[in-house]
Protein backbone atom coordinates (compact mmCIF):
# COMPACT_ATOMS: atom_id res chain seq x y z
CA UNK A 1 0.01 -0.07 -0.07
CA UNK A 2 1.03 3.29 -0.89
CA UNK A 3 1.48 5.76 1.79
CA UNK A 4 -0.81 8.16 0.50
CA UNK A 5 -3.36 5.63 0.25
CA UNK A 6 -3.22 4.44 4.06
CA UNK A 7 -6.65 5.19 5.96
CA UNK A 8 -7.02 8.36 7.79
CA UNK A 9 -7.84 6.47 10.89
CA UNK A 10 -4.17 4.80 10.47
CA UNK A 11 -2.63 7.88 10.78
CA UNK A 12 -0.93 8.95 14.63
CA UNK A 13 -1.68 11.93 15.18
CA UNK A 14 1.52 14.44 15.94
CA UNK A 15 1.99 16.09 18.88
CA UNK A 16 0.84 19.71 17.61
CA UNK A 17 -2.27 17.85 17.51
CA UNK A 18 -2.76 16.71 21.09
CA UNK A 19 -4.67 19.52 23.33
CA UNK A 20 -2.51 20.28 26.15
CA UNK A 21 -4.11 19.25 29.71
CA UNK A 22 -5.90 22.02 31.63
CA UNK A 23 -3.96 23.77 34.46
CA UNK A 24 -5.03 22.33 37.88
CA UNK A 25 -5.73 24.36 40.68
CA UNK A 26 -6.55 23.82 45.11
CA UNK A 27 -8.21 26.49 46.56
CA UNK A 28 -7.43 25.88 49.88
CA UNK A 29 -9.88 27.79 52.57
CA UNK A 30 -12.66 28.13 49.99
CA UNK A 31 -15.44 30.17 51.78
CA UNK A 32 -16.76 33.29 49.66
CA UNK A 33 -13.21 34.60 48.72
CA UNK A 34 -12.31 31.00 47.41
CA UNK A 35 -15.09 30.08 45.73
CA UNK A 36 -15.38 33.32 43.89
CA UNK A 37 -12.26 33.40 42.33
CA UNK A 38 -11.99 29.88 42.01
CA UNK A 39 -15.63 29.88 40.02
CA UNK A 40 -13.90 32.63 37.96
CA UNK A 41 -10.58 30.65 36.62
CA UNK A 42 -13.11 27.46 36.39
CA UNK A 43 -14.80 30.16 33.86
CA UNK A 44 -11.36 30.69 31.88
CA UNK A 45 -10.31 26.61 31.77
CA UNK A 46 -8.28 26.27 34.37
CA UNK A 47 -9.15 22.87 36.62
CA UNK A 48 -10.26 24.20 39.41
CA UNK A 49 -10.88 21.71 42.42
CA UNK A 50 -11.29 23.15 45.92
CA UNK A 51 -10.84 21.60 50.29
CA UNK A 52 -13.85 23.19 52.69
CA UNK A 53 -13.48 22.59 55.61
CA UNK A 54 -17.50 21.91 56.70
CA UNK A 55 -19.05 22.25 53.02
CA UNK A 56 -17.41 19.10 50.97
CA UNK A 57 -20.41 16.95 51.30
CA UNK A 58 -22.83 19.31 49.67
CA UNK A 59 -20.42 20.98 47.19
CA UNK A 60 -19.99 17.96 46.03
CA UNK A 61 -23.37 17.25 45.22
CA UNK A 62 -24.37 21.13 44.39
CA UNK A 63 -21.44 22.32 43.33
CA UNK A 64 -21.15 26.66 44.59
CA UNK A 65 -23.80 28.94 43.45
CA UNK A 66 -22.97 32.53 43.21
CA UNK A 67 -25.81 34.62 43.60
CA UNK A 68 -24.57 38.37 41.71
CA UNK A 69 -25.70 41.48 40.41
CA UNK A 70 -25.87 39.32 36.91
CA UNK A 71 -27.38 37.11 37.89
CA UNK A 72 -26.66 32.97 39.65
CA UNK A 73 -23.74 31.65 38.53
CA UNK A 74 -23.03 28.09 39.01
CA UNK A 75 -19.59 26.59 39.91
CA UNK A 76 -18.80 22.92 39.91
CA UNK A 77 -15.19 21.92 41.31
CA UNK A 78 -13.63 19.10 39.76
CA UNK A 79 -12.61 17.41 42.74
CA UNK A 80 -13.47 18.60 46.23
CA UNK A 81 -11.55 17.68 49.57
CA UNK A 82 -12.49 17.75 52.97
CA UNK A 83 -9.55 17.54 54.24
CA UNK A 84 -5.54 19.01 52.83
CA UNK A 85 -3.87 15.61 53.18
CA UNK A 86 -6.60 13.92 50.88
CA UNK A 87 -4.94 15.60 48.02
CA UNK A 88 -3.14 12.85 46.09
CA UNK A 89 -1.37 15.12 42.65
CA UNK A 90 -0.18 18.44 43.49
CA UNK A 91 -1.61 21.24 42.06
CA UNK A 92 0.07 23.23 39.06
CA UNK A 93 -1.44 26.56 41.33
CA UNK A 94 -2.70 27.10 44.92
CA UNK A 95 -4.52 29.61 45.60
CA UNK A 96 -4.64 29.89 49.50
CA UNK A 97 -7.59 31.66 50.61
CA UNK A 98 -7.12 30.67 54.23
CA UNK A 99 -7.91 33.75 57.26
CA UNK A 100 -4.25 35.12 58.43
CA UNK A 101 -4.34 32.68 61.60
CA UNK A 102 -1.22 32.19 63.60
CA UNK A 103 -2.23 29.01 64.44
CA UNK A 104 -2.06 26.24 62.84
CA UNK A 105 0.46 28.00 60.32
CA UNK A 106 -0.80 28.07 56.86
CA UNK A 107 2.76 26.55 55.56
CA UNK A 108 1.83 23.31 57.54
CA UNK A 109 -1.85 23.34 56.31
CA UNK A 110 -1.14 23.30 52.56
CA UNK A 111 1.77 20.96 52.63
CA UNK A 112 0.58 17.97 51.93
CA UNK A 113 -0.68 20.01 48.49
CA UNK A 114 2.03 21.82 47.01
CA UNK A 115 4.93 19.83 44.66
CA UNK A 116 7.99 20.68 43.63
CA UNK A 117 6.59 23.01 40.72
CA UNK A 118 3.53 24.40 42.47
CA UNK A 119 3.17 28.20 41.89
CA UNK A 120 1.93 29.04 45.68
CA UNK A 121 -0.90 32.55 45.67
CA UNK A 122 -1.63 34.02 48.70
CA UNK A 123 -4.90 35.85 48.66
CA UNK A 124 -4.40 36.61 51.89
CA UNK A 125 -5.53 40.14 54.19
CA UNK A 126 -2.74 41.69 56.36
CA UNK A 127 1.12 41.48 56.34
CA UNK A 128 4.34 39.62 56.59
CA UNK A 129 1.92 36.58 54.84
CA UNK A 130 4.68 35.77 52.40
CA UNK A 131 7.05 35.23 54.43
CA UNK A 132 6.43 31.86 56.12
CA UNK A 133 5.28 30.16 53.40
CA UNK A 134 8.71 31.23 51.34
CA UNK A 135 11.19 29.75 53.84
CA UNK A 136 8.90 26.69 54.74
CA UNK A 137 9.11 26.04 50.06
CA UNK A 138 12.33 28.02 49.31
CA UNK A 139 11.95 26.45 45.87
CA UNK A 140 8.50 27.37 45.15
CA UNK A 141 7.01 30.82 43.04
CA UNK A 142 4.99 32.65 45.40
CA UNK A 143 2.50 35.02 44.44
CA UNK A 144 0.97 38.10 46.45
CA UNK A 145 -2.98 38.25 45.49
CA UNK A 146 -5.01 41.31 46.91
CA UNK A 147 -8.69 41.46 46.52
CA UNK A 148 -11.25 44.35 47.02
CA UNK A 149 -14.32 42.44 46.78
CA UNK A 150 -17.62 42.69 48.46
CA UNK A 151 -18.87 38.72 49.07
CA UNK A 152 -20.76 37.15 51.99
CA UNK A 153 -21.16 33.16 51.98
CA UNK A 154 -25.20 33.11 52.75
CA UNK A 155 -25.62 28.83 53.07
CA UNK A 156 -23.47 26.19 52.49
CA UNK A 157 -21.98 26.22 49.03
CA UNK A 158 -23.64 29.98 48.45
CA UNK A 159 -22.07 33.24 47.77
CA UNK A 160 -23.48 36.86 47.61
CA UNK A 161 -21.06 38.57 45.64
CA UNK A 162 -22.21 42.74 46.59
CA UNK A 163 -19.99 44.49 44.51
CA UNK A 164 -16.49 44.60 42.85
CA UNK A 165 -14.20 41.78 42.88
CA UNK A 166 -10.68 43.36 41.05
CA UNK A 167 -7.55 41.34 42.30
CA UNK A 168 -3.82 42.43 42.35
CA UNK A 169 -1.39 40.44 41.38
CA UNK A 170 2.37 40.45 42.16
CA UNK A 171 5.90 37.93 42.69
CA UNK A 172 6.94 38.06 46.08
CA UNK A 173 8.96 39.95 46.97
CA UNK A 174 8.79 41.92 43.66
CA UNK A 175 8.42 41.81 40.23
CA UNK A 176 6.04 40.38 37.27
CA UNK A 177 6.88 36.65 36.13
CA UNK A 178 5.37 34.31 33.65
CA UNK A 179 3.08 32.68 35.84
CA UNK A 180 2.05 35.90 37.37
CA UNK A 181 1.30 36.88 33.67
CA UNK A 182 -0.91 33.54 33.15
CA UNK A 183 -2.72 34.37 36.37
CA UNK A 184 -3.77 37.94 35.12
CA UNK A 185 -4.96 36.50 31.80
CA UNK A 186 -7.05 33.78 33.64
CA UNK A 187 -8.76 36.39 35.79
CA UNK A 188 -9.69 38.47 32.92
CA UNK A 189 -10.49 35.85 30.79
CA UNK A 190 -13.08 34.70 33.92
CA UNK A 191 -14.58 38.46 34.77
CA UNK A 192 -13.12 39.40 36.90
CA UNK A 193 -10.92 42.82 36.25
CA UNK A 194 -6.99 42.17 37.30
CA UNK A 195 -4.27 43.94 37.64
CA UNK A 196 -0.58 43.42 37.75
CA UNK A 197 1.99 45.17 39.94
CA UNK A 198 6.23 45.38 39.97
CA UNK A 199 5.63 46.55 44.61
CA UNK A 200 3.28 43.97 46.13
CA UNK A 201 4.60 45.41 49.02
CA UNK A 202 3.08 48.41 48.75
CA UNK A 203 0.10 47.10 46.79
CA UNK A 204 -0.63 44.98 50.73
CA UNK A 205 0.83 47.90 52.65
CA UNK A 206 -2.56 49.69 51.10
CA UNK A 207 -4.78 47.46 51.36
CA UNK A 208 -4.21 47.66 55.00
CA UNK A 209 -4.27 51.01 54.58
CA UNK A 210 -8.48 50.52 54.71
CA UNK A 211 -8.01 47.05 56.39
CA UNK A 212 -6.77 48.61 59.77
CA UNK A 213 -9.28 51.35 59.46
CA UNK A 214 -12.46 49.79 59.20
CA UNK A 215 -12.49 46.26 59.71
CA UNK A 216 -11.33 46.67 63.72
CA UNK A 217 -13.95 49.70 63.92
CA UNK A 218 -16.46 48.23 62.50
CA UNK A 219 -16.21 45.28 65.63
CA UNK A 220 -15.20 47.56 68.19
CA UNK A 221 -18.58 49.32 66.85
CA UNK A 222 -21.14 46.52 67.59
CA UNK A 223 -20.56 44.80 64.41
CA UNK A 224 -21.50 48.14 62.11
CA UNK A 225 -21.60 48.09 58.57
CA UNK A 226 -19.08 50.50 56.13
CA UNK A 227 -22.22 52.95 55.99
CA UNK A 228 -22.76 53.04 59.73
CA UNK A 229 -19.14 54.31 60.24
CA UNK A 230 -19.42 57.28 57.26
CA UNK A 231 -22.66 58.12 58.23
CA UNK A 232 -21.55 60.08 61.30
CA UNK A 233 -18.78 62.40 61.36
CA UNK A 234 -16.98 61.19 63.71
CA UNK A 235 -17.11 57.88 62.04
CA UNK A 236 -15.35 59.10 58.97
CA UNK A 237 -13.01 61.05 61.01
CA UNK A 238 -11.78 58.20 63.21
CA UNK A 239 -11.35 55.88 60.14
CA UNK A 240 -9.56 58.82 58.29
CA UNK A 241 -6.89 59.59 60.72
CA UNK A 242 -6.15 55.42 61.54
CA UNK A 243 -5.51 55.15 57.81
CA UNK A 244 -2.79 58.13 57.80
CA UNK A 245 -1.44 56.71 60.65
CA UNK A 246 -1.01 53.77 59.23
CA UNK A 247 0.37 55.89 55.50
CA UNK A 248 2.87 57.81 58.11
CA UNK A 249 4.52 54.01 58.95
CA UNK A 250 4.63 52.27 54.99
CA UNK A 251 5.94 55.71 54.49
CA UNK A 252 8.97 55.60 56.93
CA UNK A 253 9.43 51.90 54.91
CA UNK A 254 10.06 53.51 51.81
CA UNK A 255 6.41 52.93 50.13
CA UNK A 256 5.28 55.73 48.40
CA UNK A 257 1.43 56.37 47.57
CA UNK A 258 -0.79 59.10 45.55
CA UNK A 259 -1.50 61.73 47.74
CA UNK A 260 -5.55 60.90 47.40
CA UNK A 261 -5.50 57.79 48.09
CA UNK A 262 -7.42 58.14 52.00
CA UNK A 263 -10.46 59.63 49.54
CA UNK A 264 -9.97 56.88 47.24
CA UNK A 265 -10.29 54.93 49.77
CA UNK A 266 -13.77 56.57 51.52
CA UNK A 267 -14.90 57.54 47.81
CA UNK A 268 -14.77 53.32 47.09
CA UNK A 269 -16.29 52.41 49.67
CA UNK A 270 -19.04 55.02 50.03
CA UNK A 271 -20.00 53.46 46.56
CA UNK A 272 -20.64 50.20 48.22
CA UNK A 273 -24.08 48.83 49.73
CA UNK A 274 -23.54 49.09 53.52
CA UNK A 275 -21.57 46.00 54.24
CA UNK A 276 -19.68 44.02 56.79
CA UNK A 277 -16.49 44.08 56.52
CA UNK A 278 -14.56 40.09 56.97
CA UNK A 279 -13.79 41.08 60.57
CA UNK A 280 -16.98 41.78 61.61
CA UNK A 281 -18.49 38.89 59.83
CA UNK A 282 -16.34 36.99 61.65
CA UNK A 283 -17.04 38.00 64.77
CA UNK A 284 -21.20 37.72 64.25
CA UNK A 285 -20.03 34.30 63.47
CA UNK A 286 -17.85 33.53 66.46
CA UNK A 287 -14.85 32.74 64.42
CA UNK A 288 -11.46 33.72 64.90
CA UNK A 289 -10.53 37.22 64.52
CA UNK A 290 -7.65 38.20 61.91
CA UNK A 291 -6.00 40.90 64.65
CA UNK A 292 -2.73 40.18 65.07
CA UNK A 293 -1.44 40.18 60.91
CA UNK A 294 -3.91 43.83 60.64
CA UNK A 295 -2.77 45.53 63.88
CA UNK A 296 0.01 43.72 65.11
CA UNK A 297 1.71 43.49 62.09
CA UNK A 298 1.02 47.47 61.62
CA UNK A 299 2.00 48.09 65.33
CA UNK A 300 5.41 45.94 65.16
CA UNK A 301 6.34 48.08 61.65
CA UNK A 302 5.52 51.45 63.48
CA UNK A 303 7.91 50.51 66.55
CA UNK A 304 10.88 49.46 63.85
CA UNK A 305 10.37 53.22 62.60
CA UNK A 306 9.51 55.15 65.18
CA UNK A 307 6.46 56.35 63.77
CA UNK A 308 4.05 57.18 66.50
CA UNK A 309 0.69 55.62 66.27
CA UNK A 310 -1.70 56.17 69.02
CA UNK A 311 -5.13 55.34 67.35
CA UNK A 312 -3.87 52.07 66.03
CA UNK A 313 -2.18 51.32 69.57
CA UNK A 314 -5.21 52.06 71.18
CA UNK A 315 -7.72 49.85 68.82
CA UNK A 316 -4.96 47.15 68.87
CA UNK A 317 -5.38 47.00 72.37
CA UNK A 318 -9.38 47.38 72.83
CA UNK A 319 -9.65 44.71 70.07
CA UNK A 320 -7.64 42.35 71.86
CA UNK A 321 -9.24 42.84 75.55
CA UNK A 322 -12.73 42.01 73.67
CA UNK A 323 -11.08 38.70 72.09
CA UNK A 324 -9.75 37.71 75.11
CA UNK A 325 -12.94 38.58 77.08
CA UNK A 326 -14.88 36.32 74.86
CA UNK A 327 -13.14 33.64 74.95
CA UNK A 328 -13.97 33.28 78.85
CA UNK A 329 -16.25 30.56 80.02
């Protein structure tokens, strides 16, 4: 038989004709944030699996539903796990959306899922979350991810998306790598506005300027919303002064911001519906609070730079007293 007479089904496809398998990503800490951004990456064609502390059975059966301004969206993870220890194959990317709490260490939680080439993405609040991960996994790329979004988990496997969603990405400690560019493209394809930054450490301080003011004040004022804080002149003045203290500390460390940063934060906050901060939601649910990584870390930096931060110190003291009193039997 001549080569040209060979039946088509006997020809072996070339490597270029074999589609590449989708990239794999595992979300650890799949609450509102992890579910929302995991769904966006899945829409972009990433094979997304999830780890759930309490909703695993529900999500296996029903997936994750996101109620948003554009109607309901449904996300069915590729695989659903109850514990990280169940992971049998390390993912290409590991998206960490756990609360940034001191115990247990995040590195210990994620270790069973980290392979030699796994890219670790830390989508967490506060300062200093990258360093312990980089020490624990010195040969893995670590990416800083910061989100400005209003989300609430309202039932098992059900997330309410109130507004916003922009995510900022950068290689830790600085720069933009191919992995950062790939994530940026996936988020954009999944419908999430994405921004890459050469200076993720500065971007983390920008997020802290808002978090250090609105999160603890919302709790100490009685788990009030952002609208209630800004609804009285004294509330707006208080968060403004706290934000300025954080800016002073960051600038002493060499970070540079827009002169309109505080007003930009206030304008963005006024533009959202009345919203309970993540710390207020945690407090209402009786969960541990991210006091140390948000306020404690900022005060540690203030002491190192000798910048006075009386309001930060006062708010931190009140938060620690509140948490201590609520732990009493």
